[in-house]
Amino acid sequence: MRSTLVLSLAATASLTLAACASLGGKEPMGFFISSTGSGKGADLGGLQGADALCQRLATAAGAGNKTWRAYLSVPGAFPSQANPQGVASVNARDRIGTGPWYNAKGELIARDVAHLHNGNHINKMTALDEKGNVVKGRGDQPNEHDILTGSRADGTAFAPQTDTTCKGWTSSTEGSAIVGHHDRIGPLPENWAKSWNFSHQSAGCSQEALVRTGGSGRLYCFASN
């Protein structure tokens, strides 16, 4: 009977240690703000080029075993004589997998797509780059809180009438792009100023224009698997 009791206590201790180890384990990174942009303003080489940037940075940070996608939308095109079917929009929310996503320190950013767009944990201290560094925000020099998204608050693309993505992320001259504020701070205490993915349009598509608006051409990157 004493032997049985010892074995039972040993098993309980083993399970407790395993549970503690699990609770204390660091979750793998599945989200980051890119530490750099393309260097060509909002010309990212389209969605493919933006995804490649995310993948390259993730690989350099030791997380290249996942497929990384840029959180970017692109409006479609209305039906025309040349293309009667039109072109469907690409929505950022549909490109990034299902979650959950954690930052470089293993902190939860969002449980799933619904949580990401309603109640996520994105703020200046959690929206880190792939190296685990804090990204400068409003009040810092320089301010880099404008993150390119081209998206509405729900993660979907805009209608084609107005350029909100610098010509599908291929222009560093004409056009404009929607940005969000990773630090959730703006010049006024209004909802748009606190939005991580839908705050305002950039002053233009060049690197200089993005800097002038309060950014540097950075992206949100998510592991899609």
Protein backbone atom coordinates (compact mmCIF):
# COMPACT_ATOMS: atom_id res chain seq x y z
CA MET A 1 0.00 0.00 0.00
CA ARG A 2 2.88 2.30 0.82
CA SER A 3 4.38 1.55 -2.61
CA THR A 4 1.10 2.45 -4.28
CA LEU A 5 0.97 5.75 -2.37
CA VAL A 6 4.53 6.64 -3.39
CA LEU A 7 3.79 5.90 -7.03
CA SER A 8 0.61 8.00 -6.87
CA LEU A 9 2.45 10.97 -5.35
CA ALA A 10 5.22 10.66 -7.94
CA ALA A 11 2.69 10.66 -10.77
CA THR A 12 0.92 13.70 -9.34
CA ALA A 13 4.22 15.57 -9.02
CA SER A 14 5.13 14.68 -12.59
CA LEU A 15 1.82 15.99 -13.91
CA THR A 16 2.17 19.19 -11.88
CA LEU A 17 5.66 19.84 -13.23
CA ALA A 18 4.48 19.20 -16.78
CA ALA A 19 1.60 21.63 -16.34
CA CYS A 20 3.92 24.29 -14.92
CA ALA A 21 6.35 23.79 -17.79
CA SER A 22 3.50 24.18 -20.27
CA LEU A 23 2.23 27.36 -18.62
CA GLY A 24 5.72 28.82 -18.54
CA GLY A 25 6.60 27.93 -22.12
CA LYS A 26 7.06 30.68 -24.69
CA GLU A 27 4.58 30.65 -27.53
CA PRO A 28 6.15 30.87 -31.01
CA MET A 29 6.06 34.22 -32.78
CA GLY A 30 3.21 34.60 -35.24
CA PHE A 31 2.99 38.38 -35.54
CA PHE A 32 5.35 41.30 -35.91
CA ILE A 33 5.72 44.76 -37.38
CA SER A 34 8.41 44.72 -40.04
CA SER A 35 11.62 46.32 -38.82
CA THR A 36 11.99 47.87 -42.25
CA GLY A 37 9.91 48.74 -45.26
CA SER A 38 10.79 48.27 -48.90
CA GLY A 39 12.87 51.45 -48.97
CA LYS A 40 10.72 52.58 -51.91
CA GLY A 41 7.82 54.04 -49.99
CA ALA A 42 4.58 52.15 -50.57
CA ASP A 43 5.98 50.36 -53.61
CA LEU A 44 6.33 46.93 -52.05
CA GLY A 45 6.37 44.98 -55.28
CA GLY A 46 2.67 44.21 -54.87
CA LEU A 47 1.33 41.67 -52.39
CA GLN A 48 3.92 39.14 -53.50
CA GLY A 49 6.76 41.52 -52.70
CA ALA A 50 5.22 42.44 -49.35
CA ASP A 51 4.83 38.78 -48.39
CA ALA A 52 8.45 38.15 -49.40
CA LEU A 53 9.58 40.99 -47.14
CA CYS A 54 7.71 39.48 -44.19
CA GLN A 55 9.12 36.02 -44.96
CA ARG A 56 12.67 37.33 -45.26
CA LEU A 57 12.54 39.20 -41.96
CA ALA A 58 10.92 36.25 -40.18
CA THR A 59 13.60 33.90 -41.52
CA ALA A 60 16.36 36.21 -40.30
CA ALA A 61 14.72 36.16 -36.87
CA GLY A 62 14.63 32.35 -36.79
CA ALA A 63 10.92 31.98 -37.62
CA GLY A 64 11.19 31.08 -41.28
CA ASN A 65 9.57 27.67 -40.80
CA LYS A 66 6.15 29.32 -41.15
CA THR A 67 4.44 30.97 -44.11
CA TRP A 68 4.26 34.72 -43.51
CA ARG A 69 1.78 37.13 -45.06
CA ALA A 70 1.56 40.92 -45.03
CA TYR A 71 -1.64 42.37 -43.58
CA LEU A 72 -2.62 44.31 -46.72
CA SER A 73 -5.80 44.72 -48.74
CA VAL A 74 -6.16 45.56 -52.44
CA PRO A 75 -9.41 46.86 -54.01
CA GLY A 76 -10.83 44.96 -56.96
CA ALA A 77 -12.05 46.41 -60.26
CA PHE A 78 -15.56 47.10 -61.49
CA PRO A 79 -16.89 45.11 -64.47
CA SER A 80 -16.03 46.63 -67.82
CA GLN A 81 -16.25 45.80 -71.50
CA ALA A 82 -12.75 44.42 -71.37
CA ASN A 83 -13.48 42.43 -68.22
CA PRO A 84 -17.23 41.81 -67.74
CA GLN A 85 -16.67 39.87 -64.53
CA GLY A 86 -14.60 42.55 -62.84
CA VAL A 87 -11.85 41.71 -60.37
CA ALA A 88 -12.53 40.62 -56.79
CA SER A 89 -10.95 42.52 -53.93
CA VAL A 90 -8.23 41.03 -51.73
CA ASN A 91 -8.98 41.43 -48.04
CA ALA A 92 -6.19 41.56 -45.48
CA ARG A 93 -8.21 39.52 -43.00
CA ASP A 94 -8.45 36.63 -45.48
CA ARG A 95 -4.69 36.42 -46.07
CA ILE A 96 -3.33 35.77 -42.58
CA GLY A 97 -4.64 32.40 -41.44
CA THR A 98 -6.77 31.71 -38.39
CA GLY A 99 -4.52 32.43 -35.40
CA PRO A 100 -3.80 32.53 -32.56
CA TRP A 101 -0.91 34.98 -33.00
CA TYR A 102 1.81 35.87 -30.49
CA ASN A 103 4.53 38.52 -30.64
CA ALA A 104 8.30 37.98 -30.40
CA LYS A 105 8.05 37.78 -26.61
CA GLY A 106 5.31 35.15 -26.68
CA GLU A 107 2.56 37.59 -25.68
CA LEU A 108 -0.91 37.00 -27.13
CA ILE A 109 -1.91 39.49 -29.84
CA ALA A 110 -5.19 37.89 -30.92
CA ARG A 111 -6.89 34.51 -30.54
CA ASP A 112 -8.39 34.48 -34.03
CA VAL A 113 -9.50 36.73 -36.88
CA ALA A 114 -12.62 37.91 -35.03
CA HIS A 115 -10.60 38.84 -31.93
CA LEU A 116 -8.00 40.60 -34.09
CA HIS A 117 -10.67 42.94 -35.41
CA ASN A 118 -12.55 43.35 -32.15
CA GLY A 119 -10.63 43.45 -28.86
CA ASN A 120 -7.07 42.54 -29.87
CA HIS A 121 -4.01 43.29 -27.71
CA ILE A 122 -2.16 45.48 -30.21
CA ASN A 123 -0.51 48.51 -28.62
CA LYS A 124 2.89 50.15 -28.56
CA MET A 125 4.34 47.70 -26.02
CA THR A 126 3.04 44.54 -27.70
CA ALA A 127 3.22 45.37 -31.43
CA LEU A 128 6.94 44.59 -31.60
CA ASP A 129 9.15 44.05 -34.61
CA GLU A 130 10.51 40.59 -35.48
CA LYS A 131 13.53 41.19 -33.22
CA GLY A 132 11.36 42.00 -30.21
CA ASN A 133 12.01 45.74 -30.39
CA VAL A 134 9.43 48.44 -29.64
CA VAL A 135 8.47 50.48 -32.71
CA LYS A 136 8.60 54.25 -32.24
CA GLY A 137 5.24 55.96 -31.94
CA ARG A 138 3.67 59.36 -31.49
CA GLY A 139 5.89 61.48 -29.23
CA ASP A 140 9.07 59.65 -30.28
CA GLN A 141 11.63 60.87 -32.76
CA PRO A 142 10.98 59.96 -35.44
CA ASN A 143 7.32 59.00 -35.20
CA GLU A 144 6.79 55.74 -37.12
CA HIS A 145 3.35 54.72 -35.95
CA ASP A 146 1.74 54.73 -39.42
CA ILE A 147 1.61 51.09 -40.54
CA LEU A 148 0.52 50.37 -44.13
CA THR A 149 -2.72 48.37 -44.39
CA GLY A 150 -5.00 49.67 -47.17
CA SER A 151 -7.85 48.27 -45.08
CA ARG A 152 -11.10 49.13 -43.39
CA ALA A 153 -11.47 48.54 -39.66
CA ASP A 154 -12.89 45.06 -40.33
CA GLY A 155 -9.89 44.09 -42.45
CA THR A 156 -11.59 44.36 -45.83
CA ALA A 157 -10.63 46.35 -48.93
CA PHE A 158 -12.16 49.64 -50.01
CA ALA A 159 -14.19 50.17 -53.17
CA PRO A 160 -12.12 50.85 -56.30
CA GLN A 161 -13.08 54.54 -56.73
CA THR A 162 -10.27 55.93 -54.58
CA ASP A 163 -6.66 54.74 -54.43
CA THR A 164 -6.12 53.46 -50.90
CA THR A 165 -3.18 51.15 -51.63
CA CYS A 166 -0.75 53.16 -53.77
CA LYS A 167 -1.89 51.33 -56.89
CA GLY A 168 -1.92 47.89 -55.35
CA TRP A 169 1.35 48.48 -53.47
CA THR A 170 3.29 49.16 -56.67
CA SER A 171 3.61 52.97 -56.65
CA SER A 172 6.17 55.20 -54.97
CA THR A 173 4.88 58.32 -56.72
CA GLU A 174 1.18 58.83 -57.39
CA GLY A 175 -1.59 57.76 -55.05
CA SER A 176 -2.12 57.30 -51.34
CA ALA A 177 -2.50 54.48 -48.82
CA ILE A 178 -4.58 53.83 -45.73
CA VAL A 179 -2.51 53.36 -42.58
CA GLY A 180 -3.19 52.35 -38.99
CA HIS A 181 -1.58 53.43 -35.71
CA HIS A 182 0.18 50.58 -33.89
CA ASP A 183 0.45 52.71 -30.72
CA ARG A 184 -3.29 53.50 -30.76
CA ILE A 185 -2.55 57.23 -30.44
CA GLY A 186 -3.36 60.14 -32.74
CA PRO A 187 -3.67 63.92 -32.63
CA LEU A 188 -7.31 63.76 -31.48
CA PRO A 189 -9.12 61.52 -28.96
CA GLU A 190 -11.32 59.94 -31.62
CA ASN A 191 -11.77 56.35 -32.77
CA TRP A 192 -9.84 56.80 -36.03
CA ALA A 193 -6.83 58.04 -34.07
CA LYS A 194 -6.83 54.84 -31.98
CA SER A 195 -7.27 52.36 -34.81
CA TRP A 196 -4.46 49.89 -35.45
CA ASN A 197 -5.48 49.28 -39.07
CA PHE A 198 -7.68 52.17 -40.30
CA SER A 199 -6.64 55.66 -39.21
CA HIS A 200 -6.12 57.89 -42.26
CA GLN A 201 -4.59 58.16 -45.71
CA SER A 202 -0.92 58.86 -46.23
CA ALA A 203 0.28 62.12 -47.76
CA GLY A 204 1.50 60.14 -50.77
CA CYS A 205 3.31 56.97 -51.80
CA SER A 206 6.96 58.04 -51.75
CA GLN A 207 9.22 57.32 -48.80
CA GLU A 208 9.34 61.04 -48.06
CA ALA A 209 5.54 61.27 -48.06
CA LEU A 210 5.18 58.32 -45.68
CA VAL A 211 7.74 59.84 -43.31
CA ARG A 212 5.98 63.21 -43.47
CA THR A 213 2.68 61.59 -42.50
CA GLY A 214 4.20 59.79 -39.50
CA GLY A 215 5.50 56.46 -40.77
CA SER A 216 8.33 54.72 -42.58
CA GLY A 217 6.64 52.12 -44.77
CA ARG A 218 6.38 49.35 -42.19
CA LEU A 219 3.91 46.44 -42.41
CA TYR A 220 2.07 44.09 -40.09
CA CYS A 221 3.24 40.51 -40.73
CA PHE A 222 1.29 37.41 -39.67
CA ALA A 223 2.08 33.71 -39.75
CA SER A 224 -0.69 32.14 -41.82
CA ASN A 225 -0.06 28.58 -40.62
